[in-house]
Every structure is written in structure tokens, then in C-alpha cells.
Amino acid sequence: GGVGYLAVQLAVALGARVVATARGEDAALLRELGAERVLDYRGEPFEKALGPTLDAVIDLHGADGYPQRSLEVLRDGGTLVVVPSVAPRPEPERDVRVTGVMVEPDRADLEAVAALIASGAVRVRGARTFPLREAAEAHRALESGEVRGKAVLLP
């Protein structure tokens, strides 16, 4: 999705080696953005494909057991960041940290992101606009993946 699109680029720009999960048809785009490995979430479960090999996981899905499954791919000392939901509790014997996200405006962070965009290190996707009378078409285009990024309804 749109947040993952930016998260991959920001992580790469900050020096991370990125493993991403996505639909198979999105793998080429994510590799182009810098992901070293892309796993199709409709195939083999990512926790089986990876095992406990990652230092950090950013879970942008937050449902269907993903946060708990994400714990399984963390190395000892790793960190799980859960964006859209309540973070799970790791097993007491695991040396992992789990945290959520609180979004607050921060001028320095926004300026840093703007500089990454201006330098071309991070690309943003534009929105596709639809007349309000085509709201059903906009919804269909989002669901089908035809629209990448945002759909904006105009009066």
C-alpha cells in the first residue's frame, strides 16, 4: 500500500536492508524501491520462509495474526513496530521489544523527509482523481490495484 511504498524507501535511505511482503505482482516495484527480498504473502508464510533472522519488523497490516507472526521472524534483541493495531505481547523468554506508533507533527522529521524527496532518494506517488459521481469506479480501481496511491473524489 501507500504507507509500505514509503516505508521501504525510507528504510533503505536510512541504511536498512529491507525484506518486504506484498502481492507477487508488486515484487518488481518493491525491488526497484530498494527491497532486497520480496515475499508474496499469498504463498509460503513469511515466518516459515525467514525464521528468526530480522532485527526489526514494521507491521503495517496489524490484523489476521500478523503481529504475532512477525514476532517469529525477529532475532533476539529485535524490535516489532505495529502501526495499525494493538501490539502483541511477546513470550517472556524472548528478548524482543514491541512498540506502536504515535504520529505527531515534528518539523525536523518533516524537513528530513522533504529533503529525501527533493534529492530523489524517496519517490512519492500521485493521487488519481475521480468525479464524485464515479465514486463506485474509484472504489473498484482501488480494490483491483489499478490505482496505486490515493483516489481523490472531486465535486
C-alpha atoms as a PDB file:
ATOM      1  CA  GLY A   1       0.000   0.000   0.000  1.00  0.00           C
ATOM      2  CA  GLY A   2       0.887   3.650   0.103  1.00  0.00           C
ATOM      3  CA  VAL A   3       2.482   3.557   3.556  1.00  0.00           C
ATOM      4  CA  GLY A   4       4.552   0.478   2.708  1.00  0.00           C
ATOM      5  CA  TYR A   5       5.677   2.149  -0.523  1.00  0.00           C
ATOM      6  CA  LEU A   6       7.155   4.984   1.532  1.00  0.00           C
ATOM      7  CA  ALA A   7       8.349   2.779   4.413  1.00  0.00           C
ATOM      8  CA  VAL A   8      10.536   0.686   2.098  1.00  0.00           C
ATOM      9  CA  GLN A   9      12.157   3.792   0.630  1.00  0.00           C
ATOM     10  CA  LEU A  10      12.688   5.492   3.980  1.00  0.00           C
ATOM     11  CA  ALA A  11      14.224   2.346   5.473  1.00  0.00           C
ATOM     12  CA  VAL A  12      16.589   1.980   2.505  1.00  0.00           C
ATOM     13  CA  ALA A  13      17.501   5.693   2.654  1.00  0.00           C
ATOM     14  CA  LEU A  14      18.371   5.231   6.336  1.00  0.00           C
ATOM     15  CA  GLY A  15      20.651   2.297   5.520  1.00  0.00           C
ATOM     16  CA  ALA A  16      18.409  -0.681   6.280  1.00  0.00           C
ATOM     17  CA  ARG A  17      18.392  -3.881   4.269  1.00  0.00           C
ATOM     18  CA  VAL A  18      14.709  -4.481   3.526  1.00  0.00           C
ATOM     19  CA  VAL A  19      12.662  -7.670   3.255  1.00  0.00           C
ATOM     20  CA  ALA A  20       9.070  -6.888   2.242  1.00  0.00           C
ATOM     21  CA  THR A  21       5.821  -8.816   1.929  1.00  0.00           C
ATOM     22  CA  ALA A  22       3.399  -7.953  -0.859  1.00  0.00           C
ATOM     23  CA  ARG A  23       1.334  -9.395  -3.665  1.00  0.00           C
ATOM     24  CA  GLY A  24       3.553 -11.108  -6.210  1.00  0.00           C
ATOM     25  CA  GLU A  25       2.668  -8.570  -8.882  1.00  0.00           C
ATOM     26  CA  ASP A  26       4.128  -5.798  -6.688  1.00  0.00           C
ATOM     27  CA  ALA A  27       7.504  -7.510  -6.174  1.00  0.00           C
ATOM     28  CA  ALA A  28       9.286  -5.766  -9.063  1.00  0.00           C
ATOM     29  CA  LEU A  29       8.217  -2.327  -7.832  1.00  0.00           C
ATOM     30  CA  LEU A  30       9.409  -3.043  -4.282  1.00  0.00           C
ATOM     31  CA  ARG A  31      12.765  -4.297  -5.570  1.00  0.00           C
ATOM     32  CA  GLU A  32      13.041  -1.136  -7.662  1.00  0.00           C
ATOM     33  CA  LEU A  33      12.438   0.866  -4.471  1.00  0.00           C
ATOM     34  CA  GLY A  34      15.290  -0.973  -2.753  1.00  0.00           C
ATOM     35  CA  ALA A  35      13.845  -4.085  -1.095  1.00  0.00           C
ATOM     36  CA  GLU A  36      16.427  -6.886  -1.276  1.00  0.00           C
ATOM     37  CA  ARG A  37      13.824  -9.609  -0.964  1.00  0.00           C
ATOM     38  CA  VAL A  38      10.061  -9.634  -1.529  1.00  0.00           C
ATOM     39  CA  LEU A  39       7.843 -12.449  -0.274  1.00  0.00           C
ATOM     40  CA  ASP A  40       4.369 -12.992  -1.730  1.00  0.00           C
ATOM     41  CA  TYR A  41       2.069 -13.027   1.285  1.00  0.00           C
ATOM     42  CA  ARG A  42      -0.296 -15.350  -0.588  1.00  0.00           C
ATOM     43  CA  GLY A  43       2.394 -18.029  -0.788  1.00  0.00           C
ATOM     44  CA  GLU A  44       4.541 -19.634   1.888  1.00  0.00           C
ATOM     45  CA  PRO A  45       4.023 -17.965   5.285  1.00  0.00           C
ATOM     46  CA  PHE A  46       6.762 -15.382   5.773  1.00  0.00           C
ATOM     47  CA  GLU A  47       7.654 -16.719   9.216  1.00  0.00           C
ATOM     48  CA  LYS A  48       8.472 -20.106   7.659  1.00  0.00           C
ATOM     49  CA  ALA A  49      10.454 -18.528   4.806  1.00  0.00           C
ATOM     50  CA  LEU A  50      12.518 -16.301   7.108  1.00  0.00           C
ATOM     51  CA  GLY A  51      12.742 -17.822  10.567  1.00  0.00           C
ATOM     52  CA  PRO A  52      14.166 -15.594  13.324  1.00  0.00           C
ATOM     53  CA  THR A  53      16.520 -13.562  11.097  1.00  0.00           C
ATOM     54  CA  LEU A  54      15.389  -9.922  11.250  1.00  0.00           C
ATOM     55  CA  ASP A  55      16.499  -7.113  13.538  1.00  0.00           C
ATOM     56  CA  ALA A  56      13.262  -5.164  13.109  1.00  0.00           C
ATOM     57  CA  VAL A  57       9.798  -5.580  11.621  1.00  0.00           C
ATOM     58  CA  ILE A  58       7.343  -2.828  10.771  1.00  0.00           C
ATOM     59  CA  ASP A  59       3.881  -4.411  10.636  1.00  0.00           C
ATOM     60  CA  LEU A  60       1.580  -2.236   8.545  1.00  0.00           C
ATOM     61  CA  HIS A  61      -1.172  -4.866   8.398  1.00  0.00           C
ATOM     62  CA  GLY A  62      -1.898  -5.386  12.078  1.00  0.00           C
ATOM     63  CA  ALA A  63      -4.637  -7.999  11.685  1.00  0.00           C
ATOM     64  CA  ASP A  64      -5.097 -11.682  10.893  1.00  0.00           C
ATOM     65  CA  GLY A  65      -2.358 -12.676  13.316  1.00  0.00           C
ATOM     66  CA  TYR A  66       0.346 -10.685  11.525  1.00  0.00           C
ATOM     67  CA  PRO A  67       1.767  -9.027  14.665  1.00  0.00           C
ATOM     68  CA  GLN A  68       2.152 -12.373  16.437  1.00  0.00           C
ATOM     69  CA  ARG A  69       3.600 -13.964  13.288  1.00  0.00           C
ATOM     70  CA  SER A  70       6.007 -11.034  12.970  1.00  0.00           C
ATOM     71  CA  LEU A  71       7.450 -11.850  16.385  1.00  0.00           C
ATOM     72  CA  GLU A  72       8.548 -15.208  14.969  1.00  0.00           C
ATOM     73  CA  VAL A  73      10.938 -13.600  12.471  1.00  0.00           C
ATOM     74  CA  LEU A  74      12.724 -11.349  14.981  1.00  0.00           C
ATOM     75  CA  ARG A  75      16.200 -12.157  16.248  1.00  0.00           C
ATOM     76  CA  ASP A  76      16.823 -11.834  19.967  1.00  0.00           C
ATOM     77  CA  GLY A  77      17.130  -8.134  20.679  1.00  0.00           C
ATOM     78  CA  GLY A  78      14.851  -7.283  17.731  1.00  0.00           C
ATOM     79  CA  THR A  79      12.044  -4.740  17.601  1.00  0.00           C
ATOM     80  CA  LEU A  80       8.499  -5.067  16.266  1.00  0.00           C
ATOM     81  CA  VAL A  81       6.699  -1.839  15.373  1.00  0.00           C
ATOM     82  CA  VAL A  82       2.947  -2.331  14.943  1.00  0.00           C
ATOM     83  CA  VAL A  83       1.291   0.550  13.134  1.00  0.00           C
ATOM     84  CA  PRO A  84      -2.464  -0.036  12.790  1.00  0.00           C
ATOM     85  CA  SER A  85      -3.383  -2.067  15.858  1.00  0.00           C
ATOM     86  CA  VAL A  86      -2.598  -3.105  19.385  1.00  0.00           C
ATOM     87  CA  ALA A  87       0.844  -4.641  19.719  1.00  0.00           C
ATOM     88  CA  PRO A  88       1.050  -8.274  20.886  1.00  0.00           C
ATOM     89  CA  ARG A  89       2.905  -9.365  23.997  1.00  0.00           C
ATOM     90  CA  PRO A  90       5.992 -11.431  23.207  1.00  0.00           C
ATOM     91  CA  GLU A  91       6.786 -14.601  25.123  1.00  0.00           C
ATOM     92  CA  PRO A  92       8.543 -13.645  28.382  1.00  0.00           C
ATOM     93  CA  GLU A  93      11.680 -15.598  27.448  1.00  0.00           C
ATOM     94  CA  ARG A  94      12.093 -13.651  24.176  1.00  0.00           C
ATOM     95  CA  ASP A  95      14.454 -10.697  24.183  1.00  0.00           C
ATOM     96  CA  VAL A  96      12.393  -8.550  21.806  1.00  0.00           C
ATOM     97  CA  ARG A  97      10.812  -5.124  22.050  1.00  0.00           C
ATOM     98  CA  VAL A  98       7.289  -4.369  20.798  1.00  0.00           C
ATOM     99  CA  THR A  99       6.060  -0.836  20.230  1.00  0.00           C
ATOM    100  CA  GLY A 100       3.271   1.037  18.496  1.00  0.00           C
ATOM    101  CA  VAL A 101       3.341   4.301  16.589  1.00  0.00           C
ATOM    102  CA  MET A 102       2.141   7.696  17.723  1.00  0.00           C
ATOM    103  CA  VAL A 103       2.052  10.188  14.878  1.00  0.00           C
ATOM    104  CA  GLU A 104       2.895  13.725  15.888  1.00  0.00           C
ATOM    105  CA  PRO A 105       3.950  16.650  13.712  1.00  0.00           C
ATOM    106  CA  ASP A 106       7.680  17.177  14.014  1.00  0.00           C
ATOM    107  CA  ARG A 107       9.281  19.909  11.952  1.00  0.00           C
ATOM    108  CA  ALA A 108      12.757  18.344  11.906  1.00  0.00           C
ATOM    109  CA  ASP A 109      11.420  14.957  10.776  1.00  0.00           C
ATOM    110  CA  LEU A 110       9.229  16.540   8.103  1.00  0.00           C
ATOM    111  CA  GLU A 111      12.180  18.573   6.826  1.00  0.00           C
ATOM    112  CA  ALA A 112      14.331  15.416   6.706  1.00  0.00           C
ATOM    113  CA  VAL A 113      11.662  13.568   4.705  1.00  0.00           C
ATOM    114  CA  ALA A 114      11.223  16.572   2.397  1.00  0.00           C
ATOM    115  CA  ALA A 115      14.993  16.585   1.773  1.00  0.00           C
ATOM    116  CA  LEU A 116      14.908  12.865   0.882  1.00  0.00           C
ATOM    117  CA  ILE A 117      12.076  13.544  -1.570  1.00  0.00           C
ATOM    118  CA  ALA A 118      13.845  16.583  -3.050  1.00  0.00           C
ATOM    119  CA  SER A 119      17.047  14.562  -3.538  1.00  0.00           C
ATOM    120  CA  GLY A 120      15.165  11.771  -5.303  1.00  0.00           C
ATOM    121  CA  ALA A 121      16.069   9.200  -2.624  1.00  0.00           C
ATOM    122  CA  VAL A 122      12.346   8.827  -1.887  1.00  0.00           C
ATOM    123  CA  ARG A 123       9.640   8.968  -4.548  1.00  0.00           C
ATOM    124  CA  VAL A 124       6.010   9.769  -3.866  1.00  0.00           C
ATOM    125  CA  ARG A 125       3.058   8.534  -5.850  1.00  0.00           C
ATOM    126  CA  GLY A 126       0.486  10.964  -7.059  1.00  0.00           C
ATOM    127  CA  ALA A 127      -3.199  10.596  -6.487  1.00  0.00           C
ATOM    128  CA  ARG A 128      -5.707   9.726  -9.179  1.00  0.00           C
ATOM    129  CA  THR A 129      -8.788  11.921  -9.222  1.00  0.00           C
ATOM    130  CA  PHE A 130     -12.373  10.899  -9.968  1.00  0.00           C
ATOM    131  CA  PRO A 131     -15.558  12.975 -10.192  1.00  0.00           C
ATOM    132  CA  LEU A 132     -17.769  12.333  -7.168  1.00  0.00           C
ATOM    133  CA  ARG A 133     -20.366  10.674  -9.406  1.00  0.00           C
ATOM    134  CA  GLU A 134     -17.711   7.986 -10.153  1.00  0.00           C
ATOM    135  CA  ALA A 135     -17.143   7.046  -6.503  1.00  0.00           C
ATOM    136  CA  ALA A 136     -18.035   3.409  -7.206  1.00  0.00           C
ATOM    137  CA  GLU A 137     -15.462   3.321 -10.031  1.00  0.00           C
ATOM    138  CA  ALA A 138     -12.829   4.849  -7.734  1.00  0.00           C
ATOM    139  CA  HIS A 139     -13.527   2.179  -5.129  1.00  0.00           C
ATOM    140  CA  ARG A 140     -13.299  -0.579  -7.752  1.00  0.00           C
ATOM    141  CA  ALA A 141      -9.997   0.834  -9.037  1.00  0.00           C
ATOM    142  CA  LEU A 142      -8.549   0.861  -5.510  1.00  0.00           C
ATOM    143  CA  GLU A 143      -9.701  -2.690  -4.759  1.00  0.00           C
ATOM    144  CA  SER A 144      -8.333  -4.055  -8.032  1.00  0.00           C
ATOM    145  CA  GLY A 145      -4.950  -2.397  -7.547  1.00  0.00           C
ATOM    146  CA  GLU A 146      -5.406  -0.338 -10.715  1.00  0.00           C
ATOM    147  CA  VAL A 147      -4.875   2.791  -8.612  1.00  0.00           C
ATOM    148  CA  ARG A 148      -1.614   2.912  -6.699  1.00  0.00           C
ATOM    149  CA  GLY A 149      -1.550   5.548  -4.028  1.00  0.00           C
ATOM    150  CA  LYS A 150      -4.698   7.514  -3.320  1.00  0.00           C
ATOM    151  CA  ALA A 151      -8.000   8.078  -5.086  1.00  0.00           C
ATOM    152  CA  VAL A 152      -9.436  11.560  -4.610  1.00  0.00           C
ATOM    153  CA  LEU A 153     -13.121  12.316  -5.242  1.00  0.00           C
ATOM    154  CA  LEU A 154     -13.821  15.784  -6.648  1.00  0.00           C
ATOM    155  CA  PRO A 155     -17.209  17.555  -6.540  1.00  0.00           C
END
